[in-house]
Protein backbone atom coordinates (compact mmCIF):
# COMPACT_ATOMS: atom_id res chain seq x y z
CA MET A 1 -32.83 18.53 -12.29
CA SER A 2 -29.32 19.19 -9.86
CA SER A 3 -31.37 17.28 -7.06
CA GLU A 4 -32.46 14.49 -9.04
CA LYS A 5 -28.43 14.18 -10.35
CA THR A 6 -27.33 14.53 -6.55
CA SER A 7 -29.80 11.86 -5.53
CA GLU A 8 -28.65 9.40 -8.65
CA ARG A 9 -24.82 9.92 -8.01
CA SER A 10 -25.48 9.67 -3.93
CA THR A 11 -27.11 5.84 -4.76
CA SER A 12 -24.23 5.05 -7.13
CA VAL A 13 -21.65 5.66 -4.84
CA LEU A 14 -23.30 4.00 -1.96
CA LEU A 15 -24.13 1.01 -4.04
CA GLY A 16 -20.37 1.47 -5.45
CA ALA A 17 -18.63 1.11 -1.90
CA ALA A 18 -20.88 -1.65 -0.93
CA PHE A 19 -20.40 -3.89 -4.03
CA LEU A 20 -16.59 -2.83 -4.19
CA MET A 21 -16.42 -4.31 -0.47
CA ALA A 22 -18.74 -7.25 -1.52
CA THR A 23 -16.74 -7.87 -4.63
CA SER A 24 -13.40 -7.77 -2.52
CA ALA A 25 -14.74 -10.20 -0.17
CA ILE A 26 -16.43 -13.01 -2.72
CA GLY A 27 -12.97 -12.29 -5.00
CA PRO A 28 -10.86 -15.79 -6.17
CA GLY A 29 -9.84 -16.80 -2.58
CA PHE A 30 -13.88 -16.83 -1.43
CA LEU A 31 -14.32 -19.16 -4.58
CA THR A 32 -11.40 -21.51 -3.58
CA GLN A 33 -11.26 -21.80 0.22
CA THR A 34 -15.09 -22.43 0.23
CA SER A 35 -15.19 -25.20 -2.52
CA GLN A 36 -12.27 -26.65 -0.95
CA PHE A 37 -13.87 -26.42 2.57
CA THR A 38 -17.28 -27.38 1.48
CA ALA A 39 -15.58 -30.69 -0.28
CA LYS A 40 -13.71 -31.48 2.88
CA TYR A 41 -16.34 -30.92 5.52
CA LEU A 42 -19.48 -31.21 3.85
CA ALA A 43 -22.63 -30.16 5.55
CA SER A 44 -20.74 -29.62 9.16
CA PHE A 45 -19.27 -26.44 7.04
CA ALA A 46 -22.70 -24.63 7.28
CA PHE A 47 -22.08 -23.70 10.79
CA VAL A 48 -19.02 -21.95 9.78
CA ILE A 49 -20.72 -20.30 6.88
CA VAL A 50 -22.94 -18.65 9.43
CA CYS A 51 -20.47 -18.04 11.97
CA VAL A 52 -18.51 -16.23 9.62
CA ILE A 53 -21.77 -14.19 8.17
CA ILE A 54 -22.70 -13.06 11.37
CA MET A 55 -19.24 -12.03 12.39
CA ASP A 56 -18.84 -10.02 9.24
CA ILE A 57 -21.52 -7.72 9.90
CA VAL A 58 -20.68 -6.98 13.26
CA ALA A 59 -17.04 -6.26 12.83
CA GLN A 60 -17.93 -4.31 9.23
CA SER A 61 -20.50 -2.50 10.81
CA ASN A 62 -18.28 -1.00 13.82
CA ILE A 63 -15.78 -0.25 11.41
CA TRP A 64 -17.55 1.35 9.06
CA SER A 65 -19.68 3.33 11.63
CA VAL A 66 -16.57 4.83 13.14
CA ILE A 67 -15.06 6.04 9.80
CA GLY A 68 -18.27 7.37 8.73
CA VAL A 69 -18.70 9.86 11.77
CA SER A 70 -14.60 10.66 12.27
CA GLY A 71 -14.52 11.54 8.80
CA LEU A 72 -10.92 9.68 9.01
CA ARG A 73 -9.27 6.82 7.51
CA GLY A 74 -8.40 3.83 9.25
CA GLN A 75 -5.09 4.27 10.04
CA GLU A 76 -5.44 7.83 11.10
CA ILE A 77 -8.19 6.07 13.69
CA ALA A 78 -5.47 3.70 14.73
CA ASN A 79 -2.63 6.60 15.01
CA ARG A 80 -5.31 8.51 17.21
CA VAL A 81 -5.67 5.67 19.60
CA VAL A 82 -2.25 4.94 20.05
CA PRO A 83 0.53 6.57 17.89
CA GLY A 84 2.32 5.29 15.56
CA LEU A 85 -0.44 2.01 15.38
CA GLY A 86 -1.78 3.18 12.17
CA VAL A 87 2.44 2.94 10.43
CA PHE A 88 1.89 -0.93 11.69
CA LEU A 89 -1.79 -0.98 10.88
CA THR A 90 -0.46 -0.23 7.29
CA VAL A 91 2.34 -2.38 6.92
CA LEU A 92 -0.23 -5.04 7.67
CA VAL A 93 -2.73 -4.03 5.44
CA VAL A 94 -0.34 -3.68 2.34
CA LEU A 95 0.83 -6.82 2.91
CA GLY A 96 -2.14 -8.50 3.14
CA GLY A 97 -3.62 -6.85 0.17
CA LEU A 98 -0.41 -7.81 -1.98
CA ALA A 99 -1.10 -11.46 -0.67
CA PHE A 100 -4.49 -11.23 -1.87
CA ASN A 101 -3.89 -9.08 -4.88
CA ILE A 102 -1.20 -11.80 -6.59
CA GLY A 103 -4.07 -14.38 -5.87
CA ASN A 104 -6.84 -12.13 -7.46
CA VAL A 105 -4.54 -11.73 -10.71
CA GLY A 106 -4.45 -15.67 -10.44
CA GLY A 107 -8.02 -15.93 -10.56
CA VAL A 108 -8.72 -13.70 -13.37
CA ALA A 109 -5.87 -15.83 -15.20
CA LEU A 110 -8.43 -19.03 -13.81
CA GLY A 111 -11.80 -17.51 -14.99
CA PHE A 112 -9.97 -16.94 -18.73
CA ASN A 113 -9.07 -20.39 -18.83
CA ALA A 114 -12.47 -22.08 -18.12
CA MET A 115 -13.98 -19.50 -20.59
CA PHE A 116 -11.57 -19.82 -22.92
CA GLY A 117 -8.84 -22.62 -22.60
CA MET A 118 -5.95 -19.74 -22.19
CA PRO A 119 -2.62 -20.40 -20.42
CA GLU A 120 -2.83 -19.19 -16.96
CA LYS A 121 0.15 -17.07 -17.45
CA ILE A 122 -1.51 -14.98 -20.37
CA GLY A 123 -4.64 -14.94 -18.88
CA ALA A 124 -2.82 -13.09 -15.70
CA ALA A 125 -1.02 -10.66 -17.65
CA LEU A 126 -4.21 -10.07 -19.68
CA GLY A 127 -6.11 -9.39 -16.66
CA GLY A 128 -3.73 -7.22 -15.27
CA ILE A 129 -3.80 -4.98 -18.41
CA LEU A 130 -7.48 -4.72 -18.24
CA ALA A 131 -7.70 -3.82 -14.51
CA ILE A 132 -5.58 -1.24 -15.08
CA CYS A 133 -7.80 0.02 -18.42
CA ILE A 134 -10.87 0.14 -16.19
CA PHE A 135 -9.24 2.15 -13.54
CA LEU A 136 -7.35 4.43 -15.83
CA SER A 137 -10.62 5.01 -17.85
CA LYS A 138 -12.31 8.41 -17.76
CA GLY A 139 -14.47 8.43 -14.70
CA GLY A 140 -12.07 6.79 -13.09
CA LYS A 141 -13.82 5.50 -9.75
CA SER A 142 -17.39 5.71 -10.76
CA VAL A 143 -16.95 3.59 -13.77
CA VAL A 144 -14.72 1.46 -10.63
CA ASP A 145 -18.60 1.82 -8.74
CA LYS A 146 -20.44 0.94 -11.92
CA PHE A 147 -18.20 -2.14 -12.85
CA ALA A 148 -18.66 -3.32 -9.46
CA GLN A 149 -22.09 -3.34 -9.41
CA VAL A 150 -22.57 -4.94 -12.94
CA MET A 151 -19.86 -7.82 -11.91
CA GLY A 152 -21.55 -8.59 -8.29
CA ALA A 153 -25.28 -8.98 -10.15
CA ILE A 154 -23.52 -11.40 -12.70
CA ILE A 155 -21.87 -13.48 -9.71
CA ILE A 156 -24.98 -14.06 -8.06
CA LEU A 157 -27.19 -15.17 -11.44
CA VAL A 158 -24.35 -17.48 -11.91
CA MET A 159 -24.47 -18.77 -8.65
CA LEU A 160 -28.38 -19.49 -8.49
CA PHE A 161 -28.23 -20.85 -11.84
CA VAL A 162 -25.39 -23.31 -10.34
CA ALA A 163 -26.82 -24.16 -6.76
CA PHE A 164 -30.24 -24.87 -8.07
CA SER A 165 -28.44 -27.59 -10.99
CA SER A 166 -26.91 -29.18 -7.79
CA LYS A 167 -30.16 -30.04 -5.96
CA PRO A 168 -27.97 -29.75 -2.82
CA PRO A 169 -29.81 -31.34 0.75
CA VAL A 170 -30.65 -27.82 2.40
CA GLY A 171 -32.09 -29.68 5.44
CA ASP A 172 -29.03 -31.37 6.28
CA ALA A 173 -27.32 -28.02 5.71
CA VAL A 174 -29.71 -26.33 8.42
CA VAL A 175 -29.34 -29.22 11.19
CA HIS A 176 -25.62 -28.66 10.84
CA ILE A 177 -25.71 -25.50 11.51
CA PHE A 178 -26.28 -26.19 15.23
CA LYS A 179 -24.82 -29.72 15.13
CA PRO A 180 -21.57 -29.65 13.25
CA GLU A 181 -19.71 -32.92 13.69
CA ASN A 182 -15.62 -32.33 14.83
CA PRO A 183 -16.32 -28.80 15.30
CA GLY A 184 -12.33 -28.45 16.88
CA SER A 185 -11.55 -29.21 13.21
CA LEU A 186 -12.98 -26.42 12.29
CA VAL A 187 -11.20 -23.79 13.49
CA GLY A 188 -8.72 -23.37 10.52
CA PRO A 189 -11.15 -22.89 8.00
CA MET A 190 -13.25 -20.11 10.03
CA LEU A 191 -9.95 -18.51 10.23
CA THR A 192 -9.34 -18.26 6.66
CA LEU A 193 -13.09 -17.31 5.46
CA LEU A 194 -13.29 -14.85 8.35
CA GLY A 195 -9.96 -13.33 6.76
CA GLY A 196 -11.32 -13.65 3.34
CA SER A 197 -15.00 -12.46 4.67
CA CYS A 198 -13.57 -9.06 6.31
CA GLY A 199 -9.54 -9.21 7.43
CA GLY A 200 -6.77 -7.30 6.39
CA TYR A 201 -8.39 -4.27 3.45
CA ILE A 202 -11.47 -5.74 2.87
CA THR A 203 -12.89 -4.17 5.58
CA PHE A 204 -11.90 -0.69 4.52
CA SER A 205 -12.37 -0.79 1.05
CA GLY A 206 -16.14 0.48 0.66
CA ALA A 207 -15.79 2.71 3.58
CA HIS A 208 -12.55 4.82 2.58
CA ARG A 209 -14.33 4.61 -1.12
CA LEU A 210 -17.01 6.80 0.18
CA LEU A 211 -14.68 9.14 2.23
CA ASP A 212 -13.25 9.94 -1.30
CA ALA A 213 -16.75 10.54 -2.56
CA GLY A 214 -17.07 13.40 0.16
CA TYR A 215 -18.96 11.56 2.39
CA GLY A 216 -18.03 11.44 6.46
CA GLY A 217 -19.25 13.25 9.70
CA LYS A 218 -22.05 12.41 11.92
CA ASP A 219 -25.08 12.86 9.51
CA ASP A 220 -23.59 10.47 7.10
CA VAL A 221 -22.96 7.50 9.41
CA SER A 222 -26.61 5.99 8.20
CA HIS A 223 -25.02 6.36 4.97
CA PHE A 224 -22.49 4.17 5.97
CA ARG A 225 -24.17 1.94 7.77
CA LYS A 226 -26.61 1.14 4.97
CA SER A 227 -23.90 1.12 2.49
CA VAL A 228 -22.09 -2.11 4.58
CA LEU A 229 -25.55 -3.80 5.11
CA THR A 230 -26.13 -4.06 1.61
CA GLY A 231 -22.68 -5.49 1.03
CA CYS A 232 -22.42 -7.85 4.11
CA CYS A 233 -25.95 -9.13 2.10
CA VAL A 234 -24.56 -9.58 -1.22
CA SER A 235 -21.19 -11.46 -0.08
CA GLY A 236 -23.34 -13.38 2.07
CA ILE A 237 -26.13 -14.67 -0.39
CA VAL A 238 -23.21 -15.66 -2.71
CA ARG A 239 -21.11 -17.58 -0.02
CA ILE A 240 -24.86 -19.60 1.18
CA LEU A 241 -25.35 -19.99 -2.82
CA LEU A 242 -21.62 -21.48 -3.31
CA PHE A 243 -22.01 -23.45 -0.21
CA LEU A 244 -25.07 -25.61 -1.78
CA CYS A 245 -23.80 -25.93 -4.76
CA VAL A 246 -20.80 -27.66 -3.70
CA LEU A 247 -22.72 -29.48 -1.38
CA GLY A 248 -25.01 -30.48 -3.74
CA VAL A 249 -22.48 -32.33 -6.19
CA CYS A 250 -20.65 -33.74 -3.01
CA THR A 251 -23.69 -35.45 -1.89
CA SER A 252 -26.55 -37.18 -3.11
CA GLY A 253 -29.67 -36.92 -0.88
CA ALA A 254 -27.68 -38.62 2.60
CA GLN A 255 -25.22 -40.50 0.88
CA VAL A 256 -21.54 -38.92 0.41
CA VAL A 257 -20.20 -39.50 -3.28
CA ALA A 258 -16.75 -39.38 -2.45
CA ALA A 259 -15.61 -39.39 -6.20
CA ASN A 260 -17.08 -36.13 -6.44
CA VAL A 261 -15.23 -35.03 -3.22
CA GLU A 262 -11.76 -36.10 -4.02
CA ALA A 263 -12.36 -34.58 -7.55
CA ILE A 264 -13.09 -31.00 -6.19
CA THR A 265 -10.52 -31.37 -3.21
CA GLY A 266 -7.73 -32.46 -5.33
CA ALA A 267 -8.17 -30.10 -8.19
CA ALA A 268 -6.11 -27.60 -9.29
CA ASN A 269 -9.58 -24.87 -9.10
CA PRO A 270 -11.77 -26.45 -7.05
CA ALA A 271 -14.18 -24.25 -7.38
CA ALA A 272 -14.20 -24.69 -11.57
CA GLU A 273 -14.62 -28.51 -10.87
CA ALA A 274 -17.67 -28.52 -8.22
CA PHE A 275 -19.64 -26.00 -11.11
CA ARG A 276 -18.41 -28.96 -14.14
CA LEU A 277 -19.63 -31.46 -11.91
CA ALA A 278 -23.00 -29.26 -11.43
CA ALA A 279 -24.31 -28.47 -14.66
CA GLY A 280 -21.72 -29.90 -17.13
CA ASN A 281 -19.42 -27.71 -19.78
CA ILE A 282 -22.18 -25.04 -19.25
CA GLY A 283 -21.42 -24.78 -15.78
CA TYR A 284 -17.87 -24.87 -16.21
CA LYS A 285 -18.15 -21.80 -18.61
CA LEU A 286 -19.69 -20.36 -16.44
CA PHE A 287 -17.70 -20.42 -13.74
CA GLY A 288 -15.21 -18.87 -15.59
CA LEU A 289 -17.52 -15.97 -15.72
CA ALA A 290 -17.90 -15.60 -12.24
CA LEU A 291 -14.57 -16.11 -11.21
CA PHE A 292 -13.45 -13.37 -13.94
CA ALA A 293 -15.65 -10.82 -12.75
CA ALA A 294 -14.77 -11.41 -9.12
CA GLY A 295 -11.41 -11.25 -9.93
CA VAL A 296 -11.06 -8.01 -11.47
CA THR A 297 -13.06 -6.22 -9.35
CA SER A 298 -10.53 -7.29 -6.78
CA VAL A 299 -7.44 -6.60 -8.55
CA ILE A 300 -9.10 -3.09 -8.48
CA GLY A 301 -10.29 -3.12 -4.71
CA ALA A 302 -6.92 -4.32 -3.31
CA ALA A 303 -4.79 -2.03 -4.69
CA TYR A 304 -7.01 0.77 -4.62
CA THR A 305 -7.68 0.27 -0.61
CA SER A 306 -3.96 -0.75 0.24
CA VAL A 307 -2.93 2.43 -1.44
CA SER A 308 -5.42 4.47 0.54
CA PHE A 309 -3.84 3.45 3.17
CA LEU A 310 -0.39 4.33 1.77
CA LYS A 311 -1.02 7.62 1.03
CA THR A 312 -1.44 8.94 4.67
CA LEU A 313 2.29 8.31 5.14
CA ASN A 314 3.47 10.44 2.72
CA PRO A 315 2.33 13.80 0.40
CA PHE A 316 4.36 12.16 -2.77
CA ILE A 317 1.88 8.66 -2.77
CA ALA A 318 -1.37 11.07 -2.18
CA GLU A 319 -0.30 13.20 -4.94
CA ASN A 320 0.39 10.09 -7.26
CA GLU A 321 -2.55 7.97 -5.91
CA LYS A 322 -3.72 6.70 -9.39
CA TRP A 323 -0.06 5.60 -10.33
CA PHE A 324 0.90 4.09 -7.40
CA ILE A 325 -2.39 1.85 -7.85
CA VAL A 326 -1.40 0.95 -11.39
CA ALA A 327 2.30 0.24 -10.01
CA PHE A 328 0.56 -2.10 -7.11
CA ILE A 329 -1.28 -3.90 -9.66
CA ALA A 330 1.22 -4.30 -12.32
CA PHE A 331 3.44 -5.87 -9.32
CA SER A 332 1.03 -8.25 -8.17
CA THR A 333 0.52 -9.19 -12.06
CA LEU A 334 4.01 -9.86 -12.45
CA VAL A 335 4.28 -11.89 -9.49
CA MET A 336 1.78 -14.07 -10.65
CA VAL A 337 3.46 -14.38 -14.23
CA ILE A 338 6.70 -15.20 -12.50
CA LEU A 339 5.09 -18.05 -10.05
CA GLY A 340 2.25 -19.05 -11.39
CA GLY A 341 -0.29 -21.45 -9.13
CA ALA A 342 -2.91 -19.18 -7.25
CA LYS A 343 -4.86 -21.72 -5.17
CA LYS A 344 -2.65 -21.93 -2.15
CA MET A 345 -2.07 -18.23 -2.33
CA VAL A 346 -5.75 -17.47 -1.83
CA ILE A 347 -5.88 -19.54 0.89
CA LEU A 348 -2.90 -18.12 2.92
CA ALA A 349 -3.98 -14.69 1.81
CA GLY A 350 -7.07 -15.48 3.71
CA ALA A 351 -5.31 -16.92 6.49
CA VAL A 352 -2.74 -13.85 6.74
CA ASN A 353 -6.13 -11.60 6.83
CA GLY A 354 -7.53 -12.99 9.48
CA LEU A 355 -4.80 -12.35 11.74
CA ILE A 356 -4.84 -8.98 10.95
CA LEU A 357 -8.71 -8.73 11.81
CA PRO A 358 -8.54 -8.67 15.58
CA ILE A 359 -6.23 -5.89 15.81
CA SER A 360 -8.13 -3.75 13.09
CA LEU A 361 -11.31 -3.99 14.96
CA ALA A 362 -10.01 -3.74 18.59
CA CYS A 363 -8.50 -0.41 17.20
CA ILE A 364 -11.95 0.97 15.99
CA LEU A 365 -13.71 -0.68 19.20
CA LEU A 366 -11.14 1.54 21.21
CA ALA A 367 -11.20 4.45 19.44
CA CYS A 368 -15.33 5.12 19.36
CA ARG A 369 -14.76 5.86 22.78
CA LYS A 370 -12.52 8.86 22.33
CA LYS A 371 -14.00 12.40 21.46
CA SER A 372 -11.11 13.16 19.65
CA VAL A 373 -12.27 11.06 17.23
CA VAL A 374 -15.80 10.42 17.28
CA GLY A 375 -16.68 14.15 18.14
CA GLU A 376 -18.45 14.97 21.63
CA ASP A 377 -21.81 13.96 20.41
CA TYR A 378 -21.75 10.68 18.87
CA LYS A 379 -22.45 7.68 21.27
CA HIS A 380 -21.79 4.17 19.35
CA PRO A 381 -24.63 1.43 20.01
CA VAL A 382 -23.20 -0.27 23.22
CA TRP A 383 -24.75 -3.55 21.66
CA LEU A 384 -22.43 -3.21 18.75
CA GLN A 385 -19.58 -2.67 21.11
CA VAL A 386 -20.29 -5.75 22.94
CA LEU A 387 -20.61 -7.97 19.87
CA GLY A 388 -17.82 -6.24 18.03
CA TRP A 389 -15.27 -7.31 21.24
CA VAL A 390 -16.69 -10.62 21.25
CA VAL A 391 -15.60 -10.89 17.45
CA VAL A 392 -11.73 -9.48 18.60
CA VAL A 393 -11.74 -12.17 21.30
CA PHE A 394 -13.18 -14.70 19.22
CA ALA A 395 -11.46 -13.61 15.84
CA ALA A 396 -7.88 -13.62 18.04
CA TYR A 397 -8.57 -17.29 19.81
CA LEU A 398 -8.97 -18.90 16.09
CA ALA A 399 -6.06 -16.79 15.48
CA VAL A 400 -3.79 -18.68 17.99
CA ARG A 401 -5.59 -21.96 17.69
CA ALA A 402 -4.76 -21.44 13.90
CA LEU A 403 -1.55 -20.31 13.53
CA PRO A 404 0.31 -23.44 14.17
CA ASN A 405 -1.73 -25.33 11.90
CA LEU A 406 -1.74 -22.98 8.60
CA ALA A 407 0.17 -25.52 7.27
CA LYS A 408 -2.34 -28.38 7.23
CA LEU A 409 -4.67 -25.90 5.10
CA PHE A 410 -1.98 -26.93 2.36
CA SER A 411 -2.87 -30.93 2.83
């Protein structure tokens, strides 16, 4: 019985960590970014989707493997690479996580609005309160694990239904993976989506969750890799389904439906409009459910991971971790209630987190060769290192190219 319960708990924790990362990556920002950019770039955006999924898997596999074998958090690893670098990384991750979390709370509000017509500020307040209640509930982190899994399943089912309803031109999308139109214009969107998939806090969320559950060390690397691949598959599938849904709405055969493109790009809630056009009122309500699910899990994930960076800076934060997470959620909620308007915030947050990715991944790749981090016997796969450095260079290039043009994301 003991062995069976241990095995059950192990599976639950590994899936919980995978879905915590996945639902953080497919939060309100993901829904807004993917819908907005798909409507703007149409089938050519398939190229961005595929590139981002590949870079996501490479980046996260590197980071989770090194965190797993070392048993150290991201900021502790960075400090061993260059003293003080961990503090710098913590500041970047926490600021990026806060920006994202304000948008996440706004996403919950948009979900409530789509389902029940609830005013944005009331929905934001309720979303923050609900996230705090789930986190403080009996069972704490295990409840968060289960909640992330259930909400992730809901998001996938909703996306499947709406993607089939919109009848997307799949063949055209496949062709444009290899022949995108005007690829130079896709640089900014690619940085934003990369940041929303594996930038900032998102990459570390599930790995830090496994450390908190007692995993870590050479024997546990396989658990970290299995968990991260599960999470990347979940987020990748949902990203493809949402892209196909919006593409189907914006096209009819080979023809562009200009009215639908204009409706989605000009909407305060682009994904909601795409779902409404694809499946009518039921699609709109289902979108609200998906956005609610994505928003609440992302609120918890962003707060949990941001504080997991902060708690190594001071023993007081570590001793009061739970209340710092509550305060992080409460502050994000308060800012959204006061300011309102999540659409621009979540797109900007994706771009900011995209700027963090080359720094955090470079730290990990330097650390994977340091015996003081990974131990005497561990050998990080050479192919994973090579691909990791390719992602670092490409992400840094995207960041440099996109920095002067980030303002255009708001046009």
